[in-house]
Amino acid sequence: METLSSIQQVPAQPVKKPDHPQFGGQKSEFEINKQQEIQKSVSARMEFTTKLEQDDMEGVDENEWQE
């Protein structure tokens, strides 16, 4: 069995980032504006509430909680 020191280390190759925006490159101003427009449109359709489902539930009786 080989020891770790006997294994040759291969230098890491730098990762080249693709230039295409679909894969994480720079987005054009048109794409940024389109994304903001879509966000605004979706946000306008979504109902926003800070009420939780638990707010309508009854808790445990104080005597039961202490047991």
Protein backbone atom coordinates (compact mmCIF):
# COMPACT_ATOMS: atom_id res chain seq x y z
CA MET A 1 0.00 0.00 0.00
CA GLU A 2 1.33 3.43 -0.89
CA THR A 3 1.81 6.10 1.70
CA LEU A 4 0.43 9.58 1.17
CA SER A 5 3.92 11.00 0.76
CA SER A 6 4.64 8.63 -2.13
CA ILE A 7 1.66 9.81 -4.17
CA GLN A 8 2.46 12.56 -6.64
CA GLN A 9 0.40 15.67 -6.25
CA VAL A 10 -1.13 17.16 -9.37
CA PRO A 11 -1.32 20.95 -9.36
CA ALA A 12 -4.88 22.25 -9.40
CA GLN A 13 -6.01 23.78 -12.67
CA PRO A 14 -7.75 27.16 -12.39
CA VAL A 15 -11.44 26.97 -13.17
CA LYS A 16 -12.45 29.10 -16.14
CA LYS A 17 -15.80 30.79 -15.69
CA PRO A 18 -17.96 30.76 -18.80
CA ASP A 19 -18.86 34.10 -20.33
CA HIS A 20 -22.44 33.08 -21.10
CA PRO A 21 -24.91 34.67 -18.62
CA GLN A 22 -26.93 31.47 -18.35
CA PHE A 23 -23.93 29.85 -16.71
CA GLY A 24 -22.97 32.60 -14.27
CA GLY A 25 -21.30 35.18 -16.53
CA GLN A 26 -22.10 38.89 -16.65
CA LYS A 27 -25.72 39.76 -17.33
CA SER A 28 -26.62 42.44 -19.80
CA GLU A 29 -28.63 45.46 -18.73
CA PHE A 30 -31.61 44.10 -20.67
CA GLU A 31 -31.49 40.83 -18.72
CA ILE A 32 -31.19 42.65 -15.39
CA ASN A 33 -34.17 44.88 -16.24
CA LYS A 34 -36.20 41.89 -17.41
CA GLN A 35 -35.42 40.01 -14.18
CA GLN A 36 -36.49 43.02 -12.08
CA GLU A 37 -39.69 43.34 -14.11
CA ILE A 38 -40.50 39.66 -13.52
CA GLN A 39 -39.77 40.02 -9.79
CA LYS A 40 -42.13 42.99 -9.51
CA SER A 41 -44.84 41.16 -11.45
CA VAL A 42 -44.63 38.03 -9.28
CA SER A 43 -44.45 40.08 -6.08
CA ALA A 44 -47.58 41.98 -7.07
CA ARG A 45 -49.49 38.69 -7.44
CA MET A 46 -48.31 37.14 -4.19
CA GLU A 47 -50.18 37.69 -0.95
CA PHE A 48 -47.93 38.98 1.82
CA THR A 49 -48.90 38.31 5.40
CA THR A 50 -46.96 38.16 8.65
CA LYS A 51 -49.52 35.92 10.35
CA LEU A 52 -48.42 32.37 11.14
CA GLU A 53 -50.56 29.25 11.24
CA GLN A 54 -49.58 28.84 14.90
CA ASP A 55 -51.17 32.21 15.76
CA ASP A 56 -54.63 30.60 15.57
CA MET A 57 -53.72 27.57 17.66
CA GLU A 58 -54.37 27.23 21.36
CA GLY A 59 -51.41 26.54 23.59
CA VAL A 60 -51.02 24.02 26.38
CA ASP A 61 -52.79 24.79 29.65
CA GLU A 62 -50.38 26.34 32.19
CA ASN A 63 -50.92 23.43 34.65
CA GLU A 64 -50.09 20.84 31.97
CA TRP A 65 -47.02 22.79 30.91
CA GLN A 66 -45.59 22.71 34.45
CA GLU A 67 -45.97 18.91 34.77
